[in-house]
């Protein structure tokens, strides 16, 4: 298994389409799992103090997607964000996130926001802006 360096992570964020940059940065530098990102609500992000709270997650239960609380108290946590991630989220909020306190931070505007989770590997289709083969090769993480 190969892990991205900090430089490769920044290159990956620059290589994806603009609506997905904050997603990549939040996942990488916040340490959030896909299910935590998929259920992240605006009210859980504090841009002023550069923190976000993981309080909900998307999980698969008996073959169906469900919104649940983290399994343990450790799973519910507040994470400090680097300034550049908070800045990316602020831009993302003004352009791409759903409106309102309960709006999803990351969602698919033309489909169910959980669609990527149901594609088998969580990365979306081969045509997805988050496809490993599409952007990973651009930053040296995947052989083209």
N, C-alpha and C. Protein backbone atom coordinates (compact mmCIF):
# COMPACT_ATOMS: atom_id res chain seq x y z
N UNK A 1 0.84 -1.17 0.00
CA UNK A 1 0.00 0.00 0.00
C UNK A 1 0.89 1.24 0.00
N UNK A 2 0.51 2.20 -0.79
CA UNK A 2 1.27 3.44 -0.89
C UNK A 2 0.46 4.58 -0.30
N UNK A 3 1.11 5.42 0.48
CA UNK A 3 0.45 6.58 1.07
C UNK A 3 0.98 7.84 0.41
N UNK A 4 0.10 8.81 0.25
CA UNK A 4 0.49 10.07 -0.36
C UNK A 4 1.32 10.91 0.60
N UNK A 5 2.30 11.59 0.05
CA UNK A 5 3.06 12.56 0.83
C UNK A 5 2.21 13.83 0.95
N UNK A 6 2.65 14.76 1.79
CA UNK A 6 1.94 16.03 1.91
C UNK A 6 1.91 16.73 0.54
N UNK A 7 3.04 16.72 -0.16
CA UNK A 7 3.11 17.36 -1.47
C UNK A 7 2.17 16.68 -2.47
N UNK A 8 2.12 15.36 -2.46
CA UNK A 8 1.22 14.64 -3.36
C UNK A 8 -0.24 14.91 -3.01
N UNK A 9 -0.54 15.06 -1.73
CA UNK A 9 -1.91 15.36 -1.32
C UNK A 9 -2.33 16.73 -1.84
N UNK A 10 -1.46 17.70 -1.73
CA UNK A 10 -1.77 19.03 -2.28
C UNK A 10 -1.91 18.96 -3.80
N UNK A 11 -1.07 18.19 -4.46
CA UNK A 11 -1.17 18.02 -5.91
C UNK A 11 -2.49 17.33 -6.28
N UNK A 12 -2.89 16.34 -5.50
CA UNK A 12 -4.16 15.66 -5.73
C UNK A 12 -5.32 16.63 -5.60
N UNK A 13 -5.30 17.45 -4.55
CA UNK A 13 -6.37 18.45 -4.36
C UNK A 13 -6.42 19.43 -5.53
N UNK A 14 -5.26 19.78 -6.06
CA UNK A 14 -5.22 20.70 -7.20
C UNK A 14 -5.68 20.01 -8.49
N UNK A 15 -5.54 18.68 -8.57
CA UNK A 15 -5.87 17.94 -9.78
C UNK A 15 -7.36 17.63 -9.92
N UNK A 16 -8.08 17.55 -8.79
CA UNK A 16 -9.51 17.25 -8.88
C UNK A 16 -10.28 18.51 -9.25
N UNK A 17 -11.51 18.31 -9.70
CA UNK A 17 -12.36 19.45 -10.03
C UNK A 17 -12.62 20.26 -8.76
N UNK A 18 -12.82 21.56 -8.91
CA UNK A 18 -12.95 22.49 -7.79
C UNK A 18 -13.95 22.05 -6.71
N UNK A 19 -15.12 21.50 -7.06
CA UNK A 19 -16.05 21.11 -5.99
C UNK A 19 -15.53 20.02 -5.06
N UNK A 20 -14.44 19.35 -5.45
CA UNK A 20 -13.93 18.23 -4.65
C UNK A 20 -12.64 18.55 -3.90
N UNK A 21 -12.11 19.75 -4.07
CA UNK A 21 -10.84 20.09 -3.42
C UNK A 21 -10.94 20.07 -1.91
N UNK A 22 -11.97 20.69 -1.36
CA UNK A 22 -12.12 20.72 0.10
C UNK A 22 -12.35 19.31 0.65
N UNK A 23 -13.03 18.47 -0.12
CA UNK A 23 -13.24 17.08 0.27
C UNK A 23 -11.91 16.36 0.44
N UNK A 24 -11.03 16.49 -0.55
CA UNK A 24 -9.72 15.84 -0.50
C UNK A 24 -8.90 16.37 0.67
N UNK A 25 -8.87 17.68 0.84
CA UNK A 25 -8.08 18.27 1.92
C UNK A 25 -8.63 17.91 3.30
N UNK A 26 -9.95 17.90 3.44
CA UNK A 26 -10.56 17.56 4.73
C UNK A 26 -10.32 16.09 5.06
N UNK A 27 -10.44 15.24 4.06
CA UNK A 27 -10.19 13.80 4.29
C UNK A 27 -8.74 13.58 4.70
N UNK A 28 -7.83 14.17 3.96
CA UNK A 28 -6.40 13.91 4.19
C UNK A 28 -5.88 14.56 5.46
N UNK A 29 -6.19 15.81 5.68
CA UNK A 29 -5.60 16.53 6.81
C UNK A 29 -6.48 16.54 8.06
N UNK A 30 -7.74 16.12 7.89
CA UNK A 30 -8.63 15.98 9.04
C UNK A 30 -8.75 14.54 9.50
N UNK A 31 -8.32 13.62 8.64
CA UNK A 31 -8.36 12.21 8.99
C UNK A 31 -9.76 11.62 9.00
N UNK A 32 -10.68 12.19 8.25
CA UNK A 32 -12.05 11.68 8.23
C UNK A 32 -12.19 10.53 7.25
N UNK A 33 -13.03 9.59 7.60
CA UNK A 33 -13.37 8.47 6.72
C UNK A 33 -14.47 8.93 5.76
N UNK A 34 -14.66 8.14 4.69
CA UNK A 34 -15.67 8.52 3.70
C UNK A 34 -17.04 8.71 4.34
N UNK A 35 -17.47 7.79 5.18
CA UNK A 35 -18.79 7.88 5.80
C UNK A 35 -18.95 9.12 6.66
N UNK A 36 -17.87 9.55 7.29
CA UNK A 36 -17.90 10.76 8.11
C UNK A 36 -18.00 12.01 7.23
N UNK A 37 -17.31 11.99 6.10
CA UNK A 37 -17.39 13.11 5.15
C UNK A 37 -18.77 13.18 4.50
N UNK A 38 -19.33 12.02 4.16
CA UNK A 38 -20.63 11.97 3.47
C UNK A 38 -21.76 12.52 4.33
N UNK A 39 -21.62 12.45 5.63
CA UNK A 39 -22.68 12.92 6.53
C UNK A 39 -22.31 14.21 7.27
N UNK A 40 -21.21 14.84 6.91
CA UNK A 40 -20.78 16.07 7.58
C UNK A 40 -21.75 17.21 7.26
N UNK A 41 -22.25 17.83 8.31
CA UNK A 41 -23.22 18.94 8.19
C UNK A 41 -22.52 20.27 8.49
N UNK A 42 -23.04 21.32 7.89
CA UNK A 42 -22.46 22.65 8.08
C UNK A 42 -22.36 23.04 9.55
N UNK A 43 -23.35 22.68 10.34
CA UNK A 43 -23.36 23.06 11.76
C UNK A 43 -22.23 22.41 12.54
N UNK A 44 -21.61 21.39 11.97
CA UNK A 44 -20.52 20.69 12.65
C UNK A 44 -19.14 21.29 12.32
N UNK A 45 -19.12 22.31 11.47
CA UNK A 45 -17.86 22.94 11.08
C UNK A 45 -17.81 24.35 11.66
N UNK A 46 -16.76 24.64 12.41
CA UNK A 46 -16.55 25.95 13.00
C UNK A 46 -15.33 26.57 12.32
N UNK A 47 -15.61 27.40 11.31
CA UNK A 47 -14.52 28.01 10.54
C UNK A 47 -13.72 29.01 11.37
N UNK A 48 -14.39 29.72 12.27
CA UNK A 48 -13.71 30.70 13.10
C UNK A 48 -12.62 30.05 13.97
N UNK A 49 -12.96 28.91 14.56
CA UNK A 49 -12.01 28.22 15.43
C UNK A 49 -11.27 27.09 14.72
N UNK A 50 -11.52 26.93 13.43
CA UNK A 50 -10.88 25.91 12.59
C UNK A 50 -11.02 24.51 13.19
N UNK A 51 -12.26 24.14 13.48
CA UNK A 51 -12.53 22.80 13.98
C UNK A 51 -13.75 22.23 13.27
N UNK A 52 -13.86 20.92 13.31
CA UNK A 52 -15.09 20.26 12.89
C UNK A 52 -15.34 19.12 13.86
N UNK A 53 -16.61 18.80 14.03
CA UNK A 53 -17.01 17.74 14.94
C UNK A 53 -17.62 16.60 14.15
N UNK A 54 -17.10 15.41 14.39
CA UNK A 54 -17.66 14.21 13.79
C UNK A 54 -18.72 13.70 14.76
N UNK A 55 -19.98 13.74 14.35
CA UNK A 55 -21.08 13.31 15.21
C UNK A 55 -22.02 12.35 14.51
N UNK A 56 -21.94 12.27 13.19
CA UNK A 56 -22.76 11.37 12.40
C UNK A 56 -21.87 10.73 11.34
N UNK A 57 -22.37 9.63 10.79
CA UNK A 57 -21.64 8.97 9.71
C UNK A 57 -22.60 8.18 8.84
N UNK A 58 -22.19 7.92 7.64
CA UNK A 58 -22.92 7.06 6.72
C UNK A 58 -22.32 5.67 6.84
N UNK A 59 -23.15 4.67 7.08
CA UNK A 59 -22.66 3.30 7.19
C UNK A 59 -23.57 2.38 6.39
N UNK A 60 -23.08 1.19 6.13
CA UNK A 60 -23.88 0.18 5.47
C UNK A 60 -24.35 -0.81 6.53
N UNK A 61 -25.67 -0.98 6.62
CA UNK A 61 -26.26 -1.90 7.59
C UNK A 61 -27.15 -2.88 6.83
N UNK A 62 -26.78 -4.15 6.87
CA UNK A 62 -27.55 -5.19 6.17
C UNK A 62 -27.79 -4.85 4.71
N UNK A 63 -26.76 -4.33 4.05
CA UNK A 63 -26.85 -4.03 2.63
C UNK A 63 -27.53 -2.72 2.30
N UNK A 64 -27.89 -1.92 3.31
CA UNK A 64 -28.56 -0.64 3.08
C UNK A 64 -27.76 0.48 3.73
N UNK A 65 -27.76 1.64 3.10
CA UNK A 65 -27.07 2.79 3.66
C UNK A 65 -27.92 3.41 4.76
N UNK A 66 -27.26 3.78 5.85
CA UNK A 66 -27.96 4.37 6.98
C UNK A 66 -27.10 5.46 7.60
N UNK A 67 -27.75 6.45 8.18
CA UNK A 67 -27.06 7.51 8.88
C UNK A 67 -27.08 7.16 10.36
N UNK A 68 -25.92 7.06 10.96
CA UNK A 68 -25.81 6.63 12.35
C UNK A 68 -24.84 7.51 13.10
N UNK A 69 -24.83 7.35 14.41
CA UNK A 69 -23.82 7.98 15.25
C UNK A 69 -22.59 7.08 15.23
N UNK A 70 -21.42 7.65 15.49
CA UNK A 70 -20.22 6.80 15.60
C UNK A 70 -20.44 5.72 16.65
N UNK A 71 -19.81 4.56 16.44
CA UNK A 71 -20.01 3.40 17.31
C UNK A 71 -19.51 3.63 18.73
N UNK A 72 -18.46 4.42 18.88
CA UNK A 72 -17.86 4.62 20.20
C UNK A 72 -17.74 6.11 20.50
N UNK A 73 -17.50 6.40 21.78
CA UNK A 73 -17.30 7.80 22.18
C UNK A 73 -16.06 8.38 21.51
N UNK A 74 -15.06 7.55 21.25
CA UNK A 74 -13.84 8.01 20.58
C UNK A 74 -14.15 8.41 19.14
N UNK A 75 -15.13 7.74 18.52
CA UNK A 75 -15.50 8.07 17.15
C UNK A 75 -16.14 9.44 17.03
N UNK A 76 -16.83 9.86 18.08
CA UNK A 76 -17.39 11.22 18.12
C UNK A 76 -16.28 12.11 18.64
N UNK A 77 -15.81 13.02 17.79
CA UNK A 77 -14.64 13.79 18.15
C UNK A 77 -14.65 15.15 17.47
N UNK A 78 -13.89 16.07 18.04
CA UNK A 78 -13.67 17.38 17.43
C UNK A 78 -12.23 17.42 16.95
N UNK A 79 -12.07 17.86 15.71
CA UNK A 79 -10.78 17.84 15.04
C UNK A 79 -10.35 19.26 14.72
N UNK A 80 -9.10 19.58 15.06
CA UNK A 80 -8.52 20.86 14.68
C UNK A 80 -8.08 20.78 13.22
N UNK A 81 -8.36 21.83 12.47
CA UNK A 81 -8.03 21.86 11.05
C UNK A 81 -6.90 22.84 10.78
N UNK A 82 -5.99 22.49 9.87
CA UNK A 82 -5.00 23.48 9.43
C UNK A 82 -5.72 24.66 8.77
N UNK A 83 -5.12 25.82 8.84
CA UNK A 83 -5.73 27.04 8.28
C UNK A 83 -6.10 26.87 6.80
N UNK A 84 -5.24 26.21 6.02
CA UNK A 84 -5.54 26.07 4.59
C UNK A 84 -6.75 25.17 4.33
N UNK A 85 -7.01 24.22 5.23
CA UNK A 85 -8.21 23.38 5.09
C UNK A 85 -9.45 24.20 5.44
N UNK A 86 -9.38 24.98 6.52
CA UNK A 86 -10.50 25.85 6.89
C UNK A 86 -10.77 26.86 5.77
N UNK A 87 -9.73 27.38 5.16
CA UNK A 87 -9.90 28.31 4.03
C UNK A 87 -10.59 27.63 2.86
N UNK A 88 -10.19 26.40 2.56
CA UNK A 88 -10.81 25.64 1.46
C UNK A 88 -12.28 25.36 1.77
N UNK A 89 -12.57 25.04 3.03
CA UNK A 89 -13.96 24.80 3.42
C UNK A 89 -14.80 26.07 3.33
N UNK A 90 -14.22 27.20 3.68
CA UNK A 90 -14.96 28.46 3.58
C UNK A 90 -15.35 28.74 2.13
N UNK A 91 -14.43 28.55 1.21
CA UNK A 91 -14.73 28.70 -0.22
C UNK A 91 -15.79 27.69 -0.64
N UNK A 92 -15.63 26.45 -0.19
CA UNK A 92 -16.57 25.38 -0.53
C UNK A 92 -17.98 25.73 -0.05
N UNK A 93 -18.09 26.27 1.17
CA UNK A 93 -19.40 26.65 1.71
C UNK A 93 -20.10 27.67 0.82
N UNK A 94 -19.36 28.63 0.31
CA UNK A 94 -20.00 29.69 -0.49
C UNK A 94 -20.40 29.22 -1.88
N UNK A 95 -19.77 28.15 -2.37
CA UNK A 95 -20.02 27.72 -3.75
C UNK A 95 -20.73 26.38 -3.90
N UNK A 96 -20.47 25.43 -3.01
CA UNK A 96 -20.88 24.05 -3.30
C UNK A 96 -21.70 23.36 -2.22
N UNK A 97 -21.56 23.73 -0.96
CA UNK A 97 -22.26 23.04 0.12
C UNK A 97 -23.75 23.35 0.08
N UNK A 98 -24.54 22.44 0.62
CA UNK A 98 -25.97 22.69 0.73
C UNK A 98 -26.19 23.85 1.71
N UNK A 99 -27.21 24.67 1.48
CA UNK A 99 -27.47 25.79 2.38
C UNK A 99 -28.05 25.34 3.72
N UNK A 100 -28.00 26.24 4.68
CA UNK A 100 -28.60 26.00 5.99
C UNK A 100 -27.69 25.24 6.93
N UNK A 101 -27.98 25.37 8.22
CA UNK A 101 -27.16 24.72 9.24
C UNK A 101 -27.09 23.21 9.08
N UNK A 102 -28.16 22.60 8.62
CA UNK A 102 -28.18 21.15 8.46
C UNK A 102 -27.78 20.71 7.06
N UNK A 103 -27.39 21.66 6.22
CA UNK A 103 -26.97 21.31 4.86
C UNK A 103 -25.71 20.44 4.87
N UNK A 104 -25.66 19.52 3.93
CA UNK A 104 -24.47 18.67 3.80
C UNK A 104 -23.31 19.50 3.27
N UNK A 105 -22.15 19.30 3.83
CA UNK A 105 -20.97 20.00 3.34
C UNK A 105 -20.58 19.45 1.98
N UNK A 106 -20.58 18.13 1.86
CA UNK A 106 -20.20 17.48 0.60
C UNK A 106 -21.39 16.68 0.10
N UNK A 107 -21.86 17.02 -1.09
CA UNK A 107 -23.00 16.31 -1.66
C UNK A 107 -22.86 16.29 -3.17
N UNK A 108 -23.55 15.35 -3.78
CA UNK A 108 -23.58 15.28 -5.24
C UNK A 108 -24.80 16.08 -5.70
N UNK A 109 -24.61 17.16 -6.44
CA UNK A 109 -25.73 18.04 -6.78
C UNK A 109 -26.78 17.40 -7.68
N UNK A 110 -26.42 16.36 -8.44
CA UNK A 110 -27.39 15.78 -9.36
C UNK A 110 -27.82 14.37 -8.97
N UNK A 111 -27.37 13.88 -7.83
CA UNK A 111 -27.71 12.52 -7.42
C UNK A 111 -27.69 12.42 -5.91
N UNK A 112 -28.06 11.25 -5.43
CA UNK A 112 -28.00 10.97 -4.00
C UNK A 112 -26.59 11.23 -3.51
N UNK A 113 -26.44 11.96 -2.41
CA UNK A 113 -25.09 12.30 -1.93
C UNK A 113 -24.31 11.08 -1.50
N UNK A 114 -24.98 9.95 -1.38
CA UNK A 114 -24.31 8.72 -0.95
C UNK A 114 -23.91 7.85 -2.13
N UNK A 115 -24.14 8.29 -3.35
CA UNK A 115 -23.97 7.43 -4.51
C UNK A 115 -22.58 6.82 -4.62
N UNK A 116 -21.54 7.59 -4.29
CA UNK A 116 -20.19 7.05 -4.41
C UNK A 116 -19.96 5.88 -3.46
N UNK A 117 -20.65 5.86 -2.35
CA UNK A 117 -20.48 4.76 -1.40
C UNK A 117 -21.02 3.46 -1.95
N UNK A 118 -21.97 3.53 -2.87
CA UNK A 118 -22.59 2.32 -3.39
C UNK A 118 -21.91 1.79 -4.64
N UNK A 119 -20.82 2.41 -5.07
CA UNK A 119 -20.18 1.97 -6.30
C UNK A 119 -19.21 0.83 -6.09
N UNK A 120 -19.07 0.37 -4.86
CA UNK A 120 -18.21 -0.78 -4.59
C UNK A 120 -16.94 -0.42 -3.87
N UNK A 121 -16.23 0.59 -4.36
CA UNK A 121 -14.96 0.92 -3.72
C UNK A 121 -14.95 2.31 -3.09
N UNK A 122 -16.08 3.00 -3.13
CA UNK A 122 -16.17 4.31 -2.50
C UNK A 122 -15.51 5.43 -3.28
N UNK A 123 -14.94 5.13 -4.44
CA UNK A 123 -14.25 6.17 -5.19
C UNK A 123 -15.09 6.73 -6.32
N UNK A 124 -16.29 6.23 -6.51
CA UNK A 124 -17.12 6.69 -7.61
C UNK A 124 -16.82 5.90 -8.88
N UNK A 125 -17.44 6.29 -9.94
CA UNK A 125 -17.24 5.59 -11.22
C UNK A 125 -15.90 5.97 -11.82
N UNK A 126 -15.46 5.26 -12.87
CA UNK A 126 -14.19 5.64 -13.51
C UNK A 126 -14.22 7.05 -14.07
N UNK A 127 -15.40 7.62 -14.24
CA UNK A 127 -15.52 8.98 -14.77
C UNK A 127 -15.67 10.01 -13.66
N UNK A 128 -15.65 9.56 -12.42
CA UNK A 128 -15.79 10.45 -11.28
C UNK A 128 -14.58 11.36 -11.14
N UNK A 129 -14.79 12.60 -10.69
CA UNK A 129 -13.65 13.49 -10.44
C UNK A 129 -12.73 12.95 -9.36
N UNK A 130 -13.22 12.00 -8.55
CA UNK A 130 -12.42 11.43 -7.49
C UNK A 130 -11.82 10.08 -7.88
N UNK A 131 -11.98 9.67 -9.12
CA UNK A 131 -11.47 8.38 -9.56
C UNK A 131 -9.96 8.32 -9.40
N UNK A 132 -9.49 7.26 -8.73
CA UNK A 132 -8.05 7.11 -8.48
C UNK A 132 -7.27 7.07 -9.79
N UNK A 133 -7.79 6.39 -10.80
CA UNK A 133 -7.05 6.30 -12.05
C UNK A 133 -6.97 7.64 -12.76
N UNK A 134 -7.96 8.49 -12.55
CA UNK A 134 -7.98 9.78 -13.24
C UNK A 134 -7.01 10.78 -12.62
N UNK A 135 -7.05 10.93 -11.30
CA UNK A 135 -6.21 11.94 -10.67
C UNK A 135 -4.99 11.38 -9.99
N UNK A 136 -5.06 10.14 -9.57
CA UNK A 136 -3.90 9.53 -8.89
C UNK A 136 -2.68 9.45 -9.76
N UNK A 137 -2.88 9.13 -11.03
CA UNK A 137 -1.74 9.06 -11.94
C UNK A 137 -1.12 10.43 -12.18
N UNK A 138 -1.93 11.47 -12.07
CA UNK A 138 -1.44 12.83 -12.30
C UNK A 138 -0.45 13.26 -11.23
N UNK A 139 -0.52 12.64 -10.06
CA UNK A 139 0.38 13.03 -8.97
C UNK A 139 1.35 11.91 -8.59
N UNK A 140 1.41 10.87 -9.43
CA UNK A 140 2.37 9.81 -9.20
C UNK A 140 1.97 8.78 -8.17
N UNK A 141 0.69 8.67 -7.89
CA UNK A 141 0.22 7.69 -6.90
C UNK A 141 -0.27 6.38 -7.55
N UNK A 142 -0.64 6.45 -8.81
CA UNK A 142 -1.16 5.28 -9.51
C UNK A 142 -0.47 5.19 -10.84
N UNK A 143 -0.08 3.98 -11.23
CA UNK A 143 0.49 3.80 -12.56
C UNK A 143 -0.57 4.08 -13.62
N UNK A 144 -0.20 4.82 -14.67
CA UNK A 144 -1.18 5.11 -15.71
C UNK A 144 -1.21 4.03 -16.75
